Amino acid sequence: IANLWNTSPQSSGGMTLEFEDGSEHFL
């Protein structure tokens, strides 16, 4: 909701990756 009302919306600077062993890491 905070990004909806922002006059200068920003994009994400990373993403969560899921590896074959089942672990997840945000990078």
mmCIF file of all heavy atoms, coordinates in Angstrom:
data_MODEL
# 
_entry.id   MODEL 
# 
loop_
_atom_site.group_PDB 
_atom_site.id 
_atom_site.type_symbol 
_atom_site.label_atom_id 
_atom_site.label_alt_id 
_atom_site.label_comp_id 
_atom_site.label_asym_id 
_atom_site.label_entity_id 
_atom_site.label_seq_id 
_atom_site.pdbx_PDB_ins_code 
_atom_site.Cartn_x 
_atom_site.Cartn_y 
_atom_site.Cartn_z 
_atom_site.occupancy 
_atom_site.B_iso_or_equiv 
_atom_site.pdbx_formal_charge 
_atom_site.auth_seq_id 
_atom_site.auth_comp_id 
_atom_site.auth_asym_id 
_atom_site.auth_atom_id 
_atom_site.pdbx_PDB_model_num 
ATOM 1   N N   . ILE A 1 1  ? 0.819  -1.214  0.000   1.00 0.00 ? 1  ILE A N   1 
ATOM 2   C CA  . ILE A 1 1  ? 0.000  0.000   0.000   1.00 0.00 ? 1  ILE A CA  1 
ATOM 3   C C   . ILE A 1 1  ? 0.851  1.262   0.000   1.00 0.00 ? 1  ILE A C   1 
ATOM 4   O O   . ILE A 1 1  ? 0.479  2.273   -0.587  1.00 0.00 ? 1  ILE A O   1 
ATOM 5   C CB  . ILE A 1 1  ? -0.998 -0.018  1.184   1.00 0.00 ? 1  ILE A CB  1 
ATOM 6   C CG1 . ILE A 1 1  ? -2.076 1.039   1.008   1.00 0.00 ? 1  ILE A CG1 1 
ATOM 7   C CG2 . ILE A 1 1  ? -0.273 0.146   2.498   1.00 0.00 ? 1  ILE A CG2 1 
ATOM 8   C CD1 . ILE A 1 1  ? -3.068 0.716   -0.060  1.00 0.00 ? 1  ILE A CD1 1 
ATOM 9   N N   . ALA A 1 2  ? 2.011  1.238   0.613   1.00 0.00 ? 2  ALA A N   1 
ATOM 10  C CA  . ALA A 1 2  ? 2.856  2.434   0.676   1.00 0.00 ? 2  ALA A CA  1 
ATOM 11  C C   . ALA A 1 2  ? 3.312  2.862   -0.708  1.00 0.00 ? 2  ALA A C   1 
ATOM 12  O O   . ALA A 1 2  ? 3.434  4.050   -0.994  1.00 0.00 ? 2  ALA A O   1 
ATOM 13  C CB  . ALA A 1 2  ? 4.056  2.176   1.569   1.00 0.00 ? 2  ALA A CB  1 
ATOM 14  N N   . ASN A 1 3  ? 3.561  1.916   -1.596  1.00 0.00 ? 3  ASN A N   1 
ATOM 15  C CA  . ASN A 1 3  ? 4.035  2.247   -2.938  1.00 0.00 ? 3  ASN A CA  1 
ATOM 16  C C   . ASN A 1 3  ? 2.891  2.746   -3.829  1.00 0.00 ? 3  ASN A C   1 
ATOM 17  O O   . ASN A 1 3  ? 3.136  3.437   -4.805  1.00 0.00 ? 3  ASN A O   1 
ATOM 18  C CB  . ASN A 1 3  ? 4.709  1.029   -3.570  1.00 0.00 ? 3  ASN A CB  1 
ATOM 19  C CG  . ASN A 1 3  ? 5.777  1.412   -4.564  1.00 0.00 ? 3  ASN A CG  1 
ATOM 20  O OD1 . ASN A 1 3  ? 6.436  2.435   -4.409  1.00 0.00 ? 3  ASN A OD1 1 
ATOM 21  N ND2 . ASN A 1 3  ? 5.955  0.604   -5.581  1.00 0.00 ? 3  ASN A ND2 1 
ATOM 22  N N   . LEU A 1 4  ? 1.644  2.414   -3.502  1.00 0.00 ? 4  LEU A N   1 
ATOM 23  C CA  . LEU A 1 4  ? 0.505  2.871   -4.305  1.00 0.00 ? 4  LEU A CA  1 
ATOM 24  C C   . LEU A 1 4  ? 0.325  4.384   -4.230  1.00 0.00 ? 4  LEU A C   1 
ATOM 25  O O   . LEU A 1 4  ? -0.015 5.027   -5.213  1.00 0.00 ? 4  LEU A O   1 
ATOM 26  C CB  . LEU A 1 4  ? -0.782 2.202   -3.838  1.00 0.00 ? 4  LEU A CB  1 
ATOM 27  C CG  . LEU A 1 4  ? -0.974 0.743   -4.211  1.00 0.00 ? 4  LEU A CG  1 
ATOM 28  C CD1 . LEU A 1 4  ? -2.262 0.216   -3.585  1.00 0.00 ? 4  LEU A CD1 1 
ATOM 29  C CD2 . LEU A 1 4  ? -1.013 0.571   -5.716  1.00 0.00 ? 4  LEU A CD2 1 
ATOM 30  N N   . TRP A 1 5  ? 0.535  4.954   -3.051  1.00 0.00 ? 5  TRP A N   1 
ATOM 31  C CA  . TRP A 1 5  ? 0.276  6.373   -2.851  1.00 0.00 ? 5  TRP A CA  1 
ATOM 32  C C   . TRP A 1 5  ? 1.528  7.229   -2.989  1.00 0.00 ? 5  TRP A C   1 
ATOM 33  O O   . TRP A 1 5  ? 1.490  8.424   -2.767  1.00 0.00 ? 5  TRP A O   1 
ATOM 34  C CB  . TRP A 1 5  ? -0.358 6.579   -1.481  1.00 0.00 ? 5  TRP A CB  1 
ATOM 35  C CG  . TRP A 1 5  ? -1.612 5.791   -1.336  1.00 0.00 ? 5  TRP A CG  1 
ATOM 36  C CD1 . TRP A 1 5  ? -1.798 4.704   -0.539  1.00 0.00 ? 5  TRP A CD1 1 
ATOM 37  C CD2 . TRP A 1 5  ? -2.837 5.975   -2.039  1.00 0.00 ? 5  TRP A CD2 1 
ATOM 38  N NE1 . TRP A 1 5  ? -3.064 4.202   -0.698  1.00 0.00 ? 5  TRP A NE1 1 
ATOM 39  C CE2 . TRP A 1 5  ? -3.721 4.972   -1.619  1.00 0.00 ? 5  TRP A CE2 1 
ATOM 40  C CE3 . TRP A 1 5  ? -3.275 6.878   -3.007  1.00 0.00 ? 5  TRP A CE3 1 
ATOM 41  C CZ2 . TRP A 1 5  ? -5.014 4.865   -2.113  1.00 0.00 ? 5  TRP A CZ2 1 
ATOM 42  C CZ3 . TRP A 1 5  ? -4.566 6.767   -3.480  1.00 0.00 ? 5  TRP A CZ3 1 
ATOM 43  C CH2 . TRP A 1 5  ? -5.409 5.783   -3.044  1.00 0.00 ? 5  TRP A CH2 1 
ATOM 44  N N   . ASN A 1 6  ? 2.608  6.652   -3.390  1.00 0.00 ? 6  ASN A N   1 
ATOM 45  C CA  . ASN A 1 6  ? 3.861  7.367   -3.548  1.00 0.00 ? 6  ASN A CA  1 
ATOM 46  C C   . ASN A 1 6  ? 3.884  8.055   -4.910  1.00 0.00 ? 6  ASN A C   1 
ATOM 47  O O   . ASN A 1 6  ? 3.550  7.454   -5.918  1.00 0.00 ? 6  ASN A O   1 
ATOM 48  C CB  . ASN A 1 6  ? 5.031  6.371   -3.424  1.00 0.00 ? 6  ASN A CB  1 
ATOM 49  C CG  . ASN A 1 6  ? 6.355  7.053   -3.250  1.00 0.00 ? 6  ASN A CG  1 
ATOM 50  O OD1 . ASN A 1 6  ? 6.525  8.216   -3.566  1.00 0.00 ? 6  ASN A OD1 1 
ATOM 51  N ND2 . ASN A 1 6  ? 7.303  6.297   -2.736  1.00 0.00 ? 6  ASN A ND2 1 
ATOM 52  N N   . THR A 1 7  ? 4.307  9.317   -4.954  1.00 0.00 ? 7  THR A N   1 
ATOM 53  C CA  . THR A 1 7  ? 4.357  10.039  -6.228  1.00 0.00 ? 7  THR A CA  1 
ATOM 54  C C   . THR A 1 7  ? 5.544  9.619   -7.083  1.00 0.00 ? 7  THR A C   1 
ATOM 55  O O   . THR A 1 7  ? 5.580  9.892   -8.273  1.00 0.00 ? 7  THR A O   1 
ATOM 56  C CB  . THR A 1 7  ? 4.422  11.558  -5.994  1.00 0.00 ? 7  THR A CB  1 
ATOM 57  O OG1 . THR A 1 7  ? 5.558  11.849  -5.178  1.00 0.00 ? 7  THR A OG1 1 
ATOM 58  C CG2 . THR A 1 7  ? 3.157  12.061  -5.331  1.00 0.00 ? 7  THR A CG2 1 
ATOM 59  N N   . SER A 1 8  ? 6.530  8.966   -6.494  1.00 0.00 ? 8  SER A N   1 
ATOM 60  C CA  . SER A 1 8  ? 7.676  8.455   -7.261  1.00 0.00 ? 8  SER A CA  1 
ATOM 61  C C   . SER A 1 8  ? 7.922  7.000   -6.867  1.00 0.00 ? 8  SER A C   1 
ATOM 62  O O   . SER A 1 8  ? 8.836  6.705   -6.099  1.00 0.00 ? 8  SER A O   1 
ATOM 63  C CB  . SER A 1 8  ? 8.919  9.297   -7.006  1.00 0.00 ? 8  SER A CB  1 
ATOM 64  O OG  . SER A 1 8  ? 9.227  9.322   -5.638  1.00 0.00 ? 8  SER A OG  1 
ATOM 65  N N   . PRO A 1 9  ? 7.081  6.080   -7.366  1.00 0.00 ? 9  PRO A N   1 
ATOM 66  C CA  . PRO A 1 9  ? 7.223  4.672   -6.982  1.00 0.00 ? 9  PRO A CA  1 
ATOM 67  C C   . PRO A 1 9  ? 8.590  4.106   -7.376  1.00 0.00 ? 9  PRO A C   1 
ATOM 68  O O   . PRO A 1 9  ? 9.161  4.484   -8.398  1.00 0.00 ? 9  PRO A O   1 
ATOM 69  C CB  . PRO A 1 9  ? 6.101  3.967   -7.725  1.00 0.00 ? 9  PRO A CB  1 
ATOM 70  C CG  . PRO A 1 9  ? 5.629  4.912   -8.762  1.00 0.00 ? 9  PRO A CG  1 
ATOM 71  C CD  . PRO A 1 9  ? 6.048  6.286   -8.357  1.00 0.00 ? 9  PRO A CD  1 
ATOM 72  N N   . GLN A 1 10 ? 9.118  3.233   -6.531  1.00 0.00 ? 10 GLN A N   1 
ATOM 73  C CA  . GLN A 1 10 ? 10.409 2.613   -6.780  1.00 0.00 ? 10 GLN A CA  1 
ATOM 74  C C   . GLN A 1 10 ? 10.216 1.134   -7.074  1.00 0.00 ? 10 GLN A C   1 
ATOM 75  O O   . GLN A 1 10 ? 9.233  0.529   -6.660  1.00 0.00 ? 10 GLN A O   1 
ATOM 76  C CB  . GLN A 1 10 ? 11.323 2.762   -5.561  1.00 0.00 ? 10 GLN A CB  1 
ATOM 77  C CG  . GLN A 1 10 ? 11.673 4.188   -5.235  1.00 0.00 ? 10 GLN A CG  1 
ATOM 78  C CD  . GLN A 1 10 ? 12.545 4.264   -3.992  1.00 0.00 ? 10 GLN A CD  1 
ATOM 79  O OE1 . GLN A 1 10 ? 12.525 3.372   -3.154  1.00 0.00 ? 10 GLN A OE1 1 
ATOM 80  N NE2 . GLN A 1 10 ? 13.306 5.321   -3.878  1.00 0.00 ? 10 GLN A NE2 1 
ATOM 81  N N   . SER A 1 11 ? 11.169 0.567   -7.787  1.00 0.00 ? 11 SER A N   1 
ATOM 82  C CA  . SER A 1 11 ? 11.113 -0.870  -8.049  1.00 0.00 ? 11 SER A CA  1 
ATOM 83  C C   . SER A 1 11 ? 11.942 -1.606  -6.992  1.00 0.00 ? 11 SER A C   1 
ATOM 84  O O   . SER A 1 11 ? 12.723 -1.004  -6.272  1.00 0.00 ? 11 SER A O   1 
ATOM 85  C CB  . SER A 1 11 ? 11.644 -1.178  -9.446  1.00 0.00 ? 11 SER A CB  1 
ATOM 86  O OG  . SER A 1 11 ? 12.986 -0.766  -9.555  1.00 0.00 ? 11 SER A OG  1 
ATOM 87  N N   . SER A 1 12 ? 11.765 -2.894  -6.933  1.00 0.00 ? 12 SER A N   1 
ATOM 88  C CA  . SER A 1 12 ? 12.524 -3.718  -5.995  1.00 0.00 ? 12 SER A CA  1 
ATOM 89  C C   . SER A 1 12 ? 13.992 -3.745  -6.381  1.00 0.00 ? 12 SER A C   1 
ATOM 90  O O   . SER A 1 12 ? 14.336 -3.676  -7.554  1.00 0.00 ? 12 SER A O   1 
ATOM 91  C CB  . SER A 1 12 ? 11.989 -5.152  -5.977  1.00 0.00 ? 12 SER A CB  1 
ATOM 92  O OG  . SER A 1 12 ? 10.720 -5.187  -5.390  1.00 0.00 ? 12 SER A OG  1 
ATOM 93  N N   . GLY A 1 13 ? 14.844 -3.886  -5.383  1.00 0.00 ? 13 GLY A N   1 
ATOM 94  C CA  . GLY A 1 13 ? 16.270 -3.935  -5.622  1.00 0.00 ? 13 GLY A CA  1 
ATOM 95  C C   . GLY A 1 13 ? 16.837 -5.337  -5.558  1.00 0.00 ? 13 GLY A C   1 
ATOM 96  O O   . GLY A 1 13 ? 18.045 -5.521  -5.553  1.00 0.00 ? 13 GLY A O   1 
ATOM 97  N N   . GLY A 1 14 ? 15.967 -6.349  -5.486  1.00 0.00 ? 14 GLY A N   1 
ATOM 98  C CA  . GLY A 1 14 ? 16.431 -7.731  -5.416  1.00 0.00 ? 14 GLY A CA  1 
ATOM 99  C C   . GLY A 1 14 ? 15.269 -8.688  -5.498  1.00 0.00 ? 14 GLY A C   1 
ATOM 100 O O   . GLY A 1 14 ? 14.135 -8.281  -5.747  1.00 0.00 ? 14 GLY A O   1 
ATOM 101 N N   . MET A 1 15 ? 15.556 -9.974  -5.287  1.00 0.00 ? 15 MET A N   1 
ATOM 102 C CA  . MET A 1 15 ? 14.497 -10.979 -5.313  1.00 0.00 ? 15 MET A CA  1 
ATOM 103 C C   . MET A 1 15 ? 14.899 -12.198 -4.504  1.00 0.00 ? 15 MET A C   1 
ATOM 104 O O   . MET A 1 15 ? 16.075 -12.398 -4.210  1.00 0.00 ? 15 MET A O   1 
ATOM 105 C CB  . MET A 1 15 ? 14.171 -11.398 -6.750  1.00 0.00 ? 15 MET A CB  1 
ATOM 106 C CG  . MET A 1 15 ? 15.299 -12.086 -7.474  1.00 0.00 ? 15 MET A CG  1 
ATOM 107 S SD  . MET A 1 15 ? 14.903 -12.703 -9.119  1.00 0.00 ? 15 MET A SD  1 
ATOM 108 C CE  . MET A 1 15 ? 14.327 -11.270 -9.953  1.00 0.00 ? 15 MET A CE  1 
ATOM 109 N N   . THR A 1 16 ? 13.905 -12.994 -4.153  1.00 0.00 ? 16 THR A N   1 
ATOM 110 C CA  . THR A 1 16 ? 14.136 -14.235 -3.424  1.00 0.00 ? 16 THR A CA  1 
ATOM 111 C C   . THR A 1 16 ? 14.355 -15.355 -4.432  1.00 0.00 ? 16 THR A C   1 
ATOM 112 O O   . THR A 1 16 ? 13.558 -15.539 -5.347  1.00 0.00 ? 16 THR A O   1 
ATOM 113 C CB  . THR A 1 16 ? 12.941 -14.587 -2.523  1.00 0.00 ? 16 THR A CB  1 
ATOM 114 O OG1 . THR A 1 16 ? 12.754 -13.514 -1.589  1.00 0.00 ? 16 THR A OG1 1 
ATOM 115 C CG2 . THR A 1 16 ? 13.181 -15.882 -1.767  1.00 0.00 ? 16 THR A CG2 1 
ATOM 116 N N   . LEU A 1 17 ? 15.459 -16.071 -4.278  1.00 0.00 ? 17 LEU A N   1 
ATOM 117 C CA  . LEU A 1 17 ? 15.758 -17.207 -5.138  1.00 0.00 ? 17 LEU A CA  1 
ATOM 118 C C   . LEU A 1 17 ? 15.567 -18.491 -4.349  1.00 0.00 ? 17 LEU A C   1 
ATOM 119 O O   . LEU A 1 17 ? 15.993 -18.588 -3.202  1.00 0.00 ? 17 LEU A O   1 
ATOM 120 C CB  . LEU A 1 17 ? 17.205 -17.138 -5.638  1.00 0.00 ? 17 LEU A CB  1 
ATOM 121 C CG  . LEU A 1 17 ? 17.612 -15.888 -6.411  1.00 0.00 ? 17 LEU A CG  1 
ATOM 122 C CD1 . LEU A 1 17 ? 19.091 -15.964 -6.780  1.00 0.00 ? 17 LEU A CD1 1 
ATOM 123 C CD2 . LEU A 1 17 ? 16.761 -15.726 -7.650  1.00 0.00 ? 17 LEU A CD2 1 
ATOM 124 N N   . GLU A 1 18 ? 14.936 -19.475 -4.966  1.00 0.00 ? 18 GLU A N   1 
ATOM 125 C CA  . GLU A 1 18 ? 14.761 -20.787 -4.343  1.00 0.00 ? 18 GLU A CA  1 
ATOM 126 C C   . GLU A 1 18 ? 15.681 -21.765 -5.043  1.00 0.00 ? 18 GLU A C   1 
ATOM 127 O O   . GLU A 1 18 ? 15.650 -21.903 -6.266  1.00 0.00 ? 18 GLU A O   1 
ATOM 128 C CB  . GLU A 1 18 ? 13.310 -21.256 -4.465  1.00 0.00 ? 18 GLU A CB  1 
ATOM 129 C CG  . GLU A 1 18 ? 13.061 -22.566 -3.771  1.00 0.00 ? 18 GLU A CG  1 
ATOM 130 C CD  . GLU A 1 18 ? 11.607 -22.988 -3.813  1.00 0.00 ? 18 GLU A CD  1 
ATOM 131 O OE1 . GLU A 1 18 ? 10.733 -22.141 -4.062  1.00 0.00 ? 18 GLU A OE1 1 
ATOM 132 O OE2 . GLU A 1 18 ? 11.347 -24.176 -3.591  1.00 0.00 ? 18 GLU A OE2 1 
ATOM 133 N N   . PHE A 1 19 ? 16.519 -22.446 -4.254  1.00 0.00 ? 19 PHE A N   1 
ATOM 134 C CA  . PHE A 1 19 ? 17.487 -23.382 -4.808  1.00 0.00 ? 19 PHE A CA  1 
ATOM 135 C C   . PHE A 1 19 ? 16.947 -24.808 -4.788  1.00 0.00 ? 19 PHE A C   1 
ATOM 136 O O   . PHE A 1 19 ? 15.964 -25.102 -4.104  1.00 0.00 ? 19 PHE A O   1 
ATOM 137 C CB  . PHE A 1 19 ? 18.802 -23.296 -4.028  1.00 0.00 ? 19 PHE A CB  1 
ATOM 138 C CG  . PHE A 1 19 ? 19.476 -21.954 -4.192  1.00 0.00 ? 19 PHE A CG  1 
ATOM 139 C CD1 . PHE A 1 19 ? 19.320 -20.965 -3.238  1.00 0.00 ? 19 PHE A CD1 1 
ATOM 140 C CD2 . PHE A 1 19 ? 20.235 -21.682 -5.310  1.00 0.00 ? 19 PHE A CD2 1 
ATOM 141 C CE1 . PHE A 1 19 ? 19.918 -19.733 -3.390  1.00 0.00 ? 19 PHE A CE1 1 
ATOM 142 C CE2 . PHE A 1 19 ? 20.851 -20.456 -5.472  1.00 0.00 ? 19 PHE A CE2 1 
ATOM 143 C CZ  . PHE A 1 19 ? 20.687 -19.472 -4.511  1.00 0.00 ? 19 PHE A CZ  1 
ATOM 144 N N   . GLU A 1 20 ? 17.582 -25.682 -5.550  1.00 0.00 ? 20 GLU A N   1 
ATOM 145 C CA  . GLU A 1 20 ? 17.114 -27.068 -5.669  1.00 0.00 ? 20 GLU A CA  1 
ATOM 146 C C   . GLU A 1 20 ? 17.097 -27.815 -4.343  1.00 0.00 ? 20 GLU A C   1 
ATOM 147 O O   . GLU A 1 20 ? 16.338 -28.760 -4.179  1.00 0.00 ? 20 GLU A O   1 
ATOM 148 C CB  . GLU A 1 20 ? 17.950 -27.819 -6.698  1.00 0.00 ? 20 GLU A CB  1 
ATOM 149 C CG  . GLU A 1 20 ? 17.683 -27.362 -8.118  1.00 0.00 ? 20 GLU A CG  1 
ATOM 150 C CD  . GLU A 1 20 ? 18.446 -28.154 -9.144  1.00 0.00 ? 20 GLU A CD  1 
ATOM 151 O OE1 . GLU A 1 20 ? 19.147 -29.132 -8.778  1.00 0.00 ? 20 GLU A OE1 1 
ATOM 152 O OE2 . GLU A 1 20 ? 18.350 -27.805 -10.329 1.00 0.00 ? 20 GLU A OE2 1 
ATOM 153 N N   . ASP A 1 21 ? 17.933 -27.401 -3.384  1.00 0.00 ? 21 ASP A N   1 
ATOM 154 C CA  . ASP A 1 21 ? 17.944 -28.068 -2.077  1.00 0.00 ? 21 ASP A CA  1 
ATOM 155 C C   . ASP A 1 21 ? 16.790 -27.610 -1.182  1.00 0.00 ? 21 ASP A C   1 
ATOM 156 O O   . ASP A 1 21 ? 16.663 -28.039 -0.049  1.00 0.00 ? 21 ASP A O   1 
ATOM 157 C CB  . ASP A 1 21 ? 19.286 -27.874 -1.372  1.00 0.00 ? 21 ASP A CB  1 
ATOM 158 C CG  . ASP A 1 21 ? 19.568 -26.426 -0.993  1.00 0.00 ? 21 ASP A CG  1 
ATOM 159 O OD1 . ASP A 1 21 ? 18.717 -25.543 -1.253  1.00 0.00 ? 21 ASP A OD1 1 
ATOM 160 O OD2 . ASP A 1 21 ? 20.638 -26.167 -0.432  1.00 0.00 ? 21 ASP A OD2 1 
ATOM 161 N N   . GLY A 1 22 ? 15.934 -26.712 -1.698  1.00 0.00 ? 22 GLY A N   1 
ATOM 162 C CA  . GLY A 1 22 ? 14.784 -26.232 -0.948  1.00 0.00 ? 22 GLY A CA  1 
ATOM 163 C C   . GLY A 1 22 ? 15.033 -24.955 -0.163  1.00 0.00 ? 22 GLY A C   1 
ATOM 164 O O   . GLY A 1 22 ? 14.108 -24.393 0.408   1.00 0.00 ? 22 GLY A O   1 
ATOM 165 N N   . SER A 1 23 ? 16.262 -24.471 -0.123  1.00 0.00 ? 23 SER A N   1 
ATOM 166 C CA  . SER A 1 23 ? 16.566 -23.243 0.614   1.00 0.00 ? 23 SER A CA  1 
ATOM 167 C C   . SER A 1 23 ? 16.178 -22.026 -0.227  1.00 0.00 ? 23 SER A C   1 
ATOM 168 O O   . SER A 1 23 ? 16.122 -22.080 -1.451  1.00 0.00 ? 23 SER A O   1 
ATOM 169 C CB  . SER A 1 23 ? 18.050 -23.183 0.982   1.00 0.00 ? 23 SER A CB  1 
ATOM 170 O OG  . SER A 1 23 ? 18.845 -23.102 -0.186  1.00 0.00 ? 23 SER A OG  1 
ATOM 171 N N   . GLU A 1 24 ? 15.882 -20.926 0.463   1.00 0.00 ? 24 GLU A N   1 
ATOM 172 C CA  . GLU A 1 24 ? 15.548 -19.666 -0.183  1.00 0.00 ? 24 GLU A CA  1 
ATOM 173 C C   . GLU A 1 24 ? 16.467 -18.584 0.349   1.00 0.00 ? 24 GLU A C   1 
ATOM 174 O O   . GLU A 1 24 ? 16.780 -18.547 1.538   1.00 0.00 ? 24 GLU A O   1 
ATOM 175 C CB  . GLU A 1 24 ? 14.102 -19.268 0.114   1.00 0.00 ? 24 GLU A CB  1 
ATOM 176 C CG  . GLU A 1 24 ? 13.079 -20.176 -0.505  1.00 0.00 ? 24 GLU A CG  1 
ATOM 177 C CD  . GLU A 1 24 ? 11.662 -19.698 -0.232  1.00 0.00 ? 24 GLU A CD  1 
ATOM 178 O OE1 . GLU A 1 24 ? 11.468 -18.723 0.538   1.00 0.00 ? 24 GLU A OE1 1 
ATOM 179 O OE2 . GLU A 1 24 ? 10.744 -20.312 -0.795  1.00 0.00 ? 24 GLU A OE2 1 
ATOM 180 N N   . HIS A 1 25 ? 16.890 -17.697 -0.542  1.00 0.00 ? 25 HIS A N   1 
ATOM 181 C CA  . HIS A 1 25 ? 17.763 -16.586 -0.166  1.00 0.00 ? 25 HIS A CA  1 
ATOM 182 C C   . HIS A 1 25 ? 17.300 -15.332 -0.881  1.00 0.00 ? 25 HIS A C   1 
ATOM 183 O O   . HIS A 1 25 ? 17.058 -15.358 -2.085  1.00 0.00 ? 25 HIS A O   1 
ATOM 184 C CB  . HIS A 1 25 ? 19.219 -16.875 -0.548  1.00 0.00 ? 25 HIS A CB  1 
ATOM 185 C CG  . HIS A 1 25 ? 19.798 -18.051 0.152   1.00 0.00 ? 25 HIS A CG  1 
ATOM 186 N ND1 . HIS A 1 25 ? 20.263 -17.985 1.446   1.00 0.00 ? 25 HIS A ND1 1 
ATOM 187 C CD2 . HIS A 1 25 ? 19.958 -19.331 -0.238  1.00 0.00 ? 25 HIS A CD2 1 
ATOM 188 C CE1 . HIS A 1 25 ? 20.705 -19.179 1.803   1.00 0.00 ? 25 HIS A CE1 1 
ATOM 189 N NE2 . HIS A 1 25 ? 20.530 -20.014 0.793   1.00 0.00 ? 25 HIS A NE2 1 
ATOM 190 N N   . PHE A 1 26 ? 17.189 -14.232 -0.126  1.00 0.00 ? 26 PHE A N   1 
ATOM 191 C CA  . PHE A 1 26 ? 16.885 -12.935 -0.729  1.00 0.00 ? 26 PHE A CA  1 
ATOM 192 C C   . PHE A 1 26 ? 18.214 -12.274 -1.068  1.00 0.00 ? 26 PHE A C   1 
ATOM 193 O O   . PHE A 1 26 ? 19.077 -12.105 -0.198  1.00 0.00 ? 26 PHE A O   1 
ATOM 194 C CB  . PHE A 1 26 ? 16.079 -12.042 0.222   1.00 0.00 ? 26 PHE A CB  1 
ATOM 195 C CG  . PHE A 1 26 ? 15.750 -10.720 -0.398  1.00 0.00 ? 26 PHE A CG  1 
ATOM 196 C CD1 . PHE A 1 26 ? 14.693 -10.612 -1.277  1.00 0.00 ? 26 PHE A CD1 1 
ATOM 197 C CD2 . PHE A 1 26 ? 16.512 -9.607  -0.126  1.00 0.00 ? 26 PHE A CD2 1 
ATOM 198 C CE1 . PHE A 1 26 ? 14.391 -9.400  -1.879  1.00 0.00 ? 26 PHE A CE1 1 
ATOM 199 C CE2 . PHE A 1 26 ? 16.226 -8.386  -0.717  1.00 0.00 ? 26 PHE A CE2 1 
ATOM 200 C CZ  . PHE A 1 26 ? 15.166 -8.281  -1.597  1.00 0.00 ? 26 PHE A CZ  1 
ATOM 201 N N   . LEU A 1 27 ? 18.392 -11.906 -2.333  1.00 0.00 ? 27 LEU A N   1 
ATOM 202 C CA  . LEU A 1 27 ? 19.642 -11.301 -2.789  1.00 0.00 ? 27 LEU A CA  1 
ATOM 203 C C   . LEU A 1 27 ? 19.367 -10.029 -3.575  1.00 0.00 ? 27 LEU A C   1 
ATOM 204 O O   . LEU A 1 27 ? 18.389 -9.949  -4.325  1.00 0.00 ? 27 LEU A O   1 
ATOM 205 C CB  . LEU A 1 27 ? 20.415 -12.270 -3.691  1.00 0.00 ? 27 LEU A CB  1 
ATOM 206 C CG  . LEU A 1 27 ? 20.875 -13.573 -3.054  1.00 0.00 ? 27 LEU A CG  1 
ATOM 207 C CD1 . LEU A 1 27 ? 21.422 -14.511 -4.112  1.00 0.00 ? 27 LEU A CD1 1 
ATOM 208 C CD2 . LEU A 1 27 ? 21.918 -13.304 -1.991  1.00 0.00 ? 27 LEU A CD2 1 
# 
